[in-house]
Amino acid sequence: MKKIFTLTLLLMSIVLTAQESEETEVKKAFTFGGSVDAYFQTNLTSSDQAIFGDGGDEFQSFGTSFADETGFALGMANIIAAYETGKVGAVADLVFGPRGDAAVGGYNINQLYAYYNITENTKLTLGRFNTYLGYEVISPTGNFNYSTSYLFSNGPFSHVGLKADFTLSEDFSLMLAVMNPTDTNNNTTGDYAFGLQLGYSGQYLNVYYDSGVVLGYEIDYTGGFDISDDFYLGINGAYADNDGEGFYGAALYPQYSFSESFALGLRGEYFQNMSEFVEDDLSVIGLTLTGSYSVDNLTIKPELRMDSGSEDIFADSDLMPTKSLATFLVGAIYSF
């Protein structure tokens, strides 16, 4: 009997040790992923040649970030590594290529942060993280349209600082942050920015404020609604002001899924630039129609875009000033 009892204790010890080891393995997780993208683009209402003739270095493009080259062009390579142990973890998000260079402002670092899940409902994050404002993001895998909006291009890209995320209930969330002024890696002025996000059932009210050293303040609404199982409507509106300089506008993103592999989406945007130095502030209406066809991890995005400004901000096929520009683009995005 004593031997059986001893053997039983030994088996229970082995089982408990195995369970404890298994739980430890569950709490430790390493993930690795990312994407690469490239595209072809041609101007439909203008020449693809340099605006200043042969040898010129200024080309015809929209006044937005990314996808601003003609012919065959590169987007970026994105490599994301994350490691989590229990309640703490870290993320290193690296980018290489023109799209990344335009967004991160050096170091090839898109995001680099550590986090601590204090409780199930409270999370602290310290480092560089992408902005919480706006409907669109830097990575093309997170956007339906391949090109980006004026609202996204003129707002923040990333922040360096400390943020706290709170899950208040099943529907409500709150984020508070103290940061360097937007898109500033090295704070040499001693000025800081403050951020707030209040979320309710997928709708977000976002606020950013600094003392005027970069952006001033921006108030942003981002959200969307499932009209049906196949039809989604995204919404973005923003107002930013820095002592008379800034912008405001709104964008709608209706998207319809015809099948698991193909969807069609439209971005309709109105953007108004504000400047105390310009009598007639520039406004732009942009329409972007994008198809999205997926084969395994590859997504092909053909795109027609036409922007029309209140002033002659573009050039026609004879390189004469005009108010509008239309382009055709095909983007390819591979995720891993």
Protein backbone atom coordinates (compact mmCIF):
# COMPACT_ATOMS: atom_id res chain seq x y z
CA MET A 1 0.00 0.00 0.00
CA LYS A 2 2.82 2.33 0.90
CA LYS A 3 4.45 1.69 -2.48
CA ILE A 4 1.16 2.39 -4.31
CA PHE A 5 0.67 5.62 -2.36
CA THR A 6 4.25 6.66 -3.16
CA LEU A 7 3.78 5.79 -6.83
CA THR A 8 0.50 7.74 -6.91
CA LEU A 9 2.18 10.79 -5.42
CA LEU A 10 4.96 10.45 -7.98
CA LEU A 11 2.51 10.27 -10.89
CA MET A 12 0.54 13.24 -9.56
CA SER A 13 3.78 15.16 -9.24
CA ILE A 14 4.69 14.34 -12.84
CA VAL A 15 1.23 15.39 -14.08
CA LEU A 16 1.24 18.62 -12.10
CA THR A 17 4.76 19.41 -13.30
CA ALA A 18 3.72 18.77 -16.91
CA GLN A 19 0.62 20.97 -16.52
CA GLU A 20 2.69 23.71 -14.94
CA SER A 21 5.23 23.44 -17.77
CA GLU A 22 2.43 23.52 -20.35
CA GLU A 23 0.91 26.62 -18.74
CA THR A 24 4.34 28.28 -18.80
CA GLU A 25 4.65 27.52 -22.50
CA VAL A 26 1.22 29.02 -23.16
CA LYS A 27 2.23 32.22 -21.41
CA LYS A 28 5.32 32.54 -23.60
CA ALA A 29 4.64 33.30 -27.23
CA PHE A 30 6.81 34.47 -30.14
CA THR A 31 5.23 35.64 -33.39
CA PHE A 32 6.82 36.75 -36.63
CA GLY A 33 5.12 38.25 -39.67
CA GLY A 34 4.94 41.17 -42.05
CA SER A 35 4.34 42.10 -45.66
CA VAL A 36 5.90 43.33 -48.90
CA ASP A 37 4.20 45.46 -51.53
CA ALA A 38 4.87 47.02 -54.94
CA TYR A 39 2.76 48.76 -57.56
CA PHE A 40 2.42 50.15 -61.08
CA GLN A 41 0.88 53.58 -61.65
CA THR A 42 0.21 55.82 -64.64
CA ASN A 43 -1.41 59.25 -64.94
CA LEU A 44 -4.53 59.23 -67.11
CA THR A 45 -4.97 62.99 -67.45
CA SER A 46 -1.32 64.01 -67.40
CA SER A 47 2.10 62.98 -68.62
CA ASP A 48 4.18 60.58 -66.54
CA GLN A 49 7.34 62.56 -67.34
CA ALA A 50 9.02 64.94 -64.92
CA ILE A 51 7.18 68.25 -64.57
CA PHE A 52 10.35 70.22 -65.25
CA GLY A 53 11.19 68.27 -68.40
CA ASP A 54 13.96 65.78 -69.07
CA GLY A 55 16.19 65.41 -66.07
CA GLY A 56 13.70 67.09 -63.73
CA ASP A 57 13.15 65.65 -60.30
CA GLU A 58 9.55 66.68 -59.57
CA PHE A 59 6.81 64.39 -60.80
CA GLN A 60 3.07 64.69 -61.04
CA SER A 61 1.34 63.14 -58.02
CA PHE A 62 -1.40 63.70 -55.49
CA GLY A 63 -0.65 65.69 -52.37
CA THR A 64 -0.92 62.59 -50.21
CA SER A 65 1.51 60.10 -48.69
CA PHE A 66 2.79 56.97 -50.47
CA ALA A 67 1.99 55.62 -53.96
CA ASP A 68 3.36 58.85 -55.43
CA GLU A 69 5.55 57.47 -58.23
CA THR A 70 4.71 56.51 -61.81
CA GLY A 71 5.68 53.36 -63.65
CA PHE A 72 6.73 50.33 -61.61
CA ALA A 73 7.52 51.31 -58.04
CA LEU A 74 8.20 49.87 -54.60
CA GLY A 75 6.09 50.16 -51.48
CA MET A 76 7.88 48.71 -48.48
CA ALA A 77 9.01 45.56 -46.72
CA ASN A 78 7.50 45.24 -43.25
CA ILE A 79 8.91 42.83 -40.64
CA ILE A 80 7.11 42.47 -37.31
CA ALA A 81 8.45 40.40 -34.40
CA ALA A 82 6.61 40.12 -31.07
CA TYR A 83 7.35 38.23 -27.89
CA GLU A 84 5.12 37.87 -24.84
CA THR A 85 5.86 36.31 -21.45
CA GLY A 86 2.97 36.26 -19.03
CA LYS A 87 1.72 39.81 -18.59
CA VAL A 88 4.56 41.58 -20.39
CA GLY A 89 5.74 41.70 -23.97
CA ALA A 90 7.49 43.69 -26.68
CA VAL A 91 7.00 44.44 -30.39
CA ALA A 92 9.62 45.38 -33.00
CA ASP A 93 8.07 46.58 -36.28
CA LEU A 94 10.66 47.41 -38.97
CA VAL A 95 10.08 48.92 -42.42
CA PHE A 96 12.30 49.26 -45.49
CA GLY A 97 11.45 51.07 -48.75
CA PRO A 98 9.91 54.33 -49.98
CA ARG A 99 6.60 53.91 -48.15
CA GLY A 100 8.41 53.22 -44.90
CA ASP A 101 10.89 56.07 -45.40
CA ALA A 102 8.04 58.55 -45.90
CA ALA A 103 6.27 57.40 -42.75
CA VAL A 104 8.78 56.69 -40.03
CA GLY A 105 11.22 59.59 -40.26
CA GLY A 106 14.41 57.60 -39.86
CA TYR A 107 15.78 54.50 -38.14
CA ASN A 108 13.56 52.19 -40.29
CA ILE A 109 11.45 51.72 -37.16
CA ASN A 110 7.69 51.81 -37.59
CA GLN A 111 6.89 50.65 -34.06
CA LEU A 112 9.08 49.64 -31.13
CA TYR A 113 7.48 49.26 -27.72
CA ALA A 114 7.13 47.20 -24.57
CA TYR A 115 3.85 46.63 -22.74
CA TYR A 116 2.56 45.43 -19.39
CA ASN A 117 -0.94 44.00 -18.89
CA ILE A 118 -1.43 45.12 -15.29
CA THR A 119 -4.88 43.52 -15.22
CA GLU A 120 -7.20 42.03 -17.81
CA ASN A 121 -8.64 45.52 -18.31
CA THR A 122 -5.55 47.74 -17.99
CA LYS A 123 -2.52 47.83 -20.29
CA LEU A 124 0.52 50.15 -20.27
CA THR A 125 2.61 50.69 -23.42
CA LEU A 126 5.94 52.53 -23.62
CA GLY A 127 7.85 53.28 -26.82
CA ARG A 128 6.99 54.17 -30.42
CA PHE A 129 3.52 53.18 -31.64
CA ASN A 130 1.37 54.06 -34.65
CA THR A 131 -1.17 56.82 -34.25
CA TYR A 132 -4.63 56.20 -32.87
CA LEU A 133 -6.12 58.97 -35.04
CA GLY A 134 -7.72 58.37 -38.41
CA TYR A 135 -9.28 55.57 -40.42
CA GLU A 136 -6.17 54.59 -42.37
CA VAL A 137 -2.77 53.25 -41.29
CA ILE A 138 0.81 53.11 -42.61
CA SER A 139 0.83 49.43 -43.60
CA PRO A 140 -1.05 48.68 -46.86
CA THR A 141 -2.35 45.46 -45.28
CA GLY A 142 -4.53 47.55 -42.94
CA ASN A 143 -6.19 49.70 -45.63
CA PHE A 144 -8.74 48.84 -48.27
CA ASN A 145 -7.49 51.51 -50.70
CA TYR A 146 -3.85 51.30 -51.76
CA SER A 147 -3.28 55.06 -51.97
CA THR A 148 -4.00 57.14 -48.87
CA SER A 149 -6.31 60.03 -48.00
CA TYR A 150 -5.50 63.69 -47.35
CA LEU A 151 -6.82 63.34 -43.80
CA PHE A 152 -4.38 60.54 -43.06
CA SER A 153 -1.48 62.20 -44.88
CA ASN A 154 -1.81 65.47 -42.95
CA GLY A 155 -2.37 63.95 -39.52
CA PRO A 156 0.07 62.11 -37.24
CA PHE A 157 1.75 58.89 -38.32
CA SER A 158 3.31 57.70 -35.06
CA HIS A 159 3.96 58.72 -31.46
CA VAL A 160 6.74 58.13 -28.95
CA GLY A 161 5.58 58.04 -25.36
CA LEU A 162 3.53 56.25 -22.73
CA LYS A 163 -0.11 55.24 -23.11
CA ALA A 164 -2.61 53.45 -20.92
CA ASP A 165 -5.50 51.45 -22.38
CA PHE A 166 -8.54 50.70 -20.23
CA THR A 167 -11.38 48.31 -21.02
CA LEU A 168 -14.25 49.98 -19.17
CA SER A 169 -16.96 47.51 -20.19
CA GLU A 170 -17.89 45.20 -23.03
CA ASP A 171 -18.62 48.24 -25.23
CA PHE A 172 -16.57 51.11 -23.75
CA SER A 173 -12.79 51.66 -23.89
CA LEU A 174 -10.50 54.53 -22.91
CA MET A 175 -6.93 55.41 -23.85
CA LEU A 176 -4.82 58.15 -22.23
CA ALA A 177 -1.32 59.09 -23.42
CA VAL A 178 1.58 61.47 -22.77
CA MET A 179 4.01 61.68 -25.70
CA ASN A 180 6.62 63.65 -27.54
CA PRO A 181 5.10 65.99 -30.13
CA THR A 182 3.81 63.88 -33.01
CA ASP A 183 6.33 62.06 -35.23
CA THR A 184 9.21 63.22 -33.02
CA ASN A 185 11.69 60.54 -31.97
CA ASN A 186 14.05 62.79 -30.04
CA ASN A 187 12.43 65.45 -27.87
CA THR A 188 14.86 68.39 -27.75
CA THR A 189 12.35 71.12 -26.84
CA GLY A 190 10.89 69.82 -23.59
CA ASP A 191 7.37 70.10 -25.02
CA TYR A 192 4.96 67.19 -24.72
CA ALA A 193 1.69 66.09 -26.29
CA PHE A 194 -1.38 64.51 -24.75
CA GLY A 195 -3.73 62.00 -26.29
CA LEU A 196 -7.17 60.62 -25.54
CA GLN A 197 -9.36 58.03 -27.21
CA LEU A 198 -12.87 57.09 -26.14
CA GLY A 199 -14.32 54.05 -27.86
CA TYR A 200 -17.84 52.68 -27.98
CA SER A 201 -18.80 49.60 -30.01
CA GLY A 202 -16.27 50.23 -32.78
CA GLN A 203 -16.76 54.02 -32.86
CA TYR A 204 -13.86 56.18 -31.66
CA LEU A 205 -13.51 59.81 -30.62
CA ASN A 206 -9.83 60.77 -30.72
CA VAL A 207 -8.12 63.89 -29.36
CA TYR A 208 -4.50 65.01 -29.75
CA TYR A 209 -3.01 68.16 -28.20
CA ASP A 210 0.41 69.78 -28.11
CA SER A 211 1.31 73.38 -27.31
CA GLY A 212 1.61 74.31 -30.98
CA VAL A 213 5.11 72.98 -31.58
CA VAL A 214 3.93 70.59 -34.34
CA LEU A 215 0.22 70.00 -34.87
CA GLY A 216 -1.53 72.06 -32.21
CA TYR A 217 -4.63 69.98 -31.65
CA GLU A 218 -6.70 67.53 -33.66
CA ILE A 219 -10.15 66.11 -32.98
CA ASP A 220 -10.97 63.01 -34.98
CA TYR A 221 -13.88 60.60 -35.32
CA THR A 222 -13.26 57.15 -36.78
CA GLY A 223 -15.78 54.36 -37.06
CA GLY A 224 -18.03 52.34 -39.29
CA PHE A 225 -21.13 50.20 -39.53
CA ASP A 226 -22.06 46.83 -41.01
CA ILE A 227 -25.00 47.74 -43.23
CA SER A 228 -25.38 44.05 -44.10
CA ASP A 229 -23.26 40.89 -44.06
CA ASP A 230 -21.55 42.01 -47.28
CA PHE A 231 -21.77 45.82 -47.08
CA TYR A 232 -19.65 47.93 -44.73
CA LEU A 233 -19.50 51.71 -44.40
CA GLY A 234 -16.40 53.30 -42.84
CA ILE A 235 -16.40 56.92 -41.66
CA ASN A 236 -13.66 59.42 -40.82
CA GLY A 237 -13.89 63.09 -39.90
CA ALA A 238 -11.22 65.39 -38.48
CA TYR A 239 -10.48 68.99 -37.52
CA ALA A 240 -6.96 70.23 -36.75
CA ASP A 241 -5.83 73.74 -35.83
CA ASN A 242 -2.49 75.24 -34.92
CA ASP A 243 -2.96 78.99 -34.47
CA GLY A 244 -4.85 79.41 -37.75
CA GLU A 245 -2.96 76.72 -39.66
CA GLY A 246 -4.58 73.32 -40.09
CA PHE A 247 -7.20 71.34 -41.94
CA TYR A 248 -10.60 69.70 -41.69
CA GLY A 249 -12.54 67.23 -43.74
CA ALA A 250 -14.48 64.00 -43.93
CA ALA A 251 -14.28 60.71 -45.80
CA LEU A 252 -16.69 57.82 -46.44
CA TYR A 253 -15.55 54.27 -47.19
CA PRO A 254 -18.36 52.09 -48.58
CA GLN A 255 -17.10 48.54 -49.23
CA TYR A 256 -18.96 45.57 -50.69
CA SER A 257 -17.78 41.94 -50.65
CA PHE A 258 -18.91 39.97 -53.69
CA SER A 259 -17.18 36.79 -52.50
CA GLU A 260 -14.54 35.66 -50.03
CA SER A 261 -11.84 36.62 -52.53
CA PHE A 262 -13.16 39.80 -54.20
CA ALA A 263 -14.44 43.10 -52.84
CA LEU A 264 -14.96 46.60 -54.19
CA GLY A 265 -14.56 49.80 -52.20
CA LEU A 266 -14.90 53.55 -52.74
CA ARG A 267 -13.27 56.35 -50.79
CA GLY A 268 -15.02 59.69 -51.15
CA GLU A 269 -13.18 62.50 -49.39
CA TYR A 270 -13.53 66.24 -48.88
CA PHE A 271 -10.42 67.98 -47.55
CA GLN A 272 -10.06 71.66 -46.66
CA ASN A 273 -6.69 73.24 -45.93
CA MET A 274 -6.67 76.23 -43.57
CA SER A 275 -4.00 78.93 -43.68
CA GLU A 276 -4.06 82.51 -42.48
CA PHE A 277 -1.51 83.33 -45.19
CA VAL A 278 -3.73 82.21 -48.09
CA GLU A 279 -6.86 84.20 -48.97
CA ASP A 280 -8.65 81.30 -50.64
CA ASP A 281 -7.94 78.15 -48.65
CA LEU A 282 -7.32 75.11 -50.82
CA SER A 283 -9.93 72.35 -50.86
CA VAL A 284 -9.84 68.98 -52.61
CA ILE A 285 -12.50 66.40 -53.44
CA GLY A 286 -11.08 62.94 -54.00
CA LEU A 287 -12.76 59.81 -55.35
CA THR A 288 -10.89 56.50 -55.24
CA LEU A 289 -12.37 53.23 -56.51
CA THR A 290 -10.43 50.14 -55.47
CA GLY A 291 -10.88 46.46 -56.16
CA SER A 292 -9.39 43.84 -53.86
CA TYR A 293 -8.74 40.29 -55.10
CA SER A 294 -7.05 37.80 -52.75
CA VAL A 295 -5.30 34.55 -53.59
CA ASP A 296 -3.95 32.92 -50.45
CA ASN A 297 -1.64 35.55 -48.90
CA LEU A 298 -1.43 37.72 -52.03
CA THR A 299 -3.83 40.64 -52.57
CA ILE A 300 -4.11 42.45 -55.91
CA LYS A 301 -5.60 45.96 -55.80
CA PRO A 302 -6.50 47.71 -59.08
CA GLU A 303 -7.38 51.35 -58.36
CA LEU A 304 -8.83 54.35 -60.18
CA ARG A 305 -8.38 57.71 -58.47
CA MET A 306 -9.45 61.24 -59.39
CA ASP A 307 -8.84 64.33 -57.29
CA SER A 308 -10.24 67.78 -58.05
CA GLY A 309 -8.93 70.90 -56.31
CA SER A 310 -10.35 74.38 -55.86
CA GLU A 311 -7.16 75.73 -57.48
CA ASP A 312 -4.79 74.67 -60.28
CA ILE A 313 -2.68 72.32 -58.19
CA PHE A 314 -2.06 69.68 -60.90
CA ALA A 315 -0.84 69.63 -64.51
CA ASP A 316 -2.50 68.23 -67.66
CA SER A 317 -0.94 66.15 -70.44
CA ASP A 318 0.72 69.29 -71.83
CA LEU A 319 2.04 70.06 -68.34
CA MET A 320 -0.21 73.11 -68.08
CA PRO A 321 -1.88 73.97 -64.75
CA THR A 322 -5.23 72.28 -64.09
CA LYS A 323 -7.49 71.52 -61.14
CA SER A 324 -7.77 67.74 -61.49
CA LEU A 325 -5.69 64.61 -61.83
CA ALA A 326 -6.73 61.02 -62.58
CA THR A 327 -4.55 57.92 -62.27
CA PHE A 328 -4.72 54.16 -62.65
CA LEU A 329 -2.79 51.94 -60.26
CA VAL A 330 -2.33 48.23 -59.59
CA GLY A 331 -0.87 47.31 -56.22
CA ALA A 332 0.30 43.88 -55.06
CA ILE A 333 0.58 43.07 -51.35
CA TYR A 334 1.92 39.82 -49.92
CA SER A 335 1.41 39.13 -46.21
CA PHE A 336 3.23 36.47 -44.18
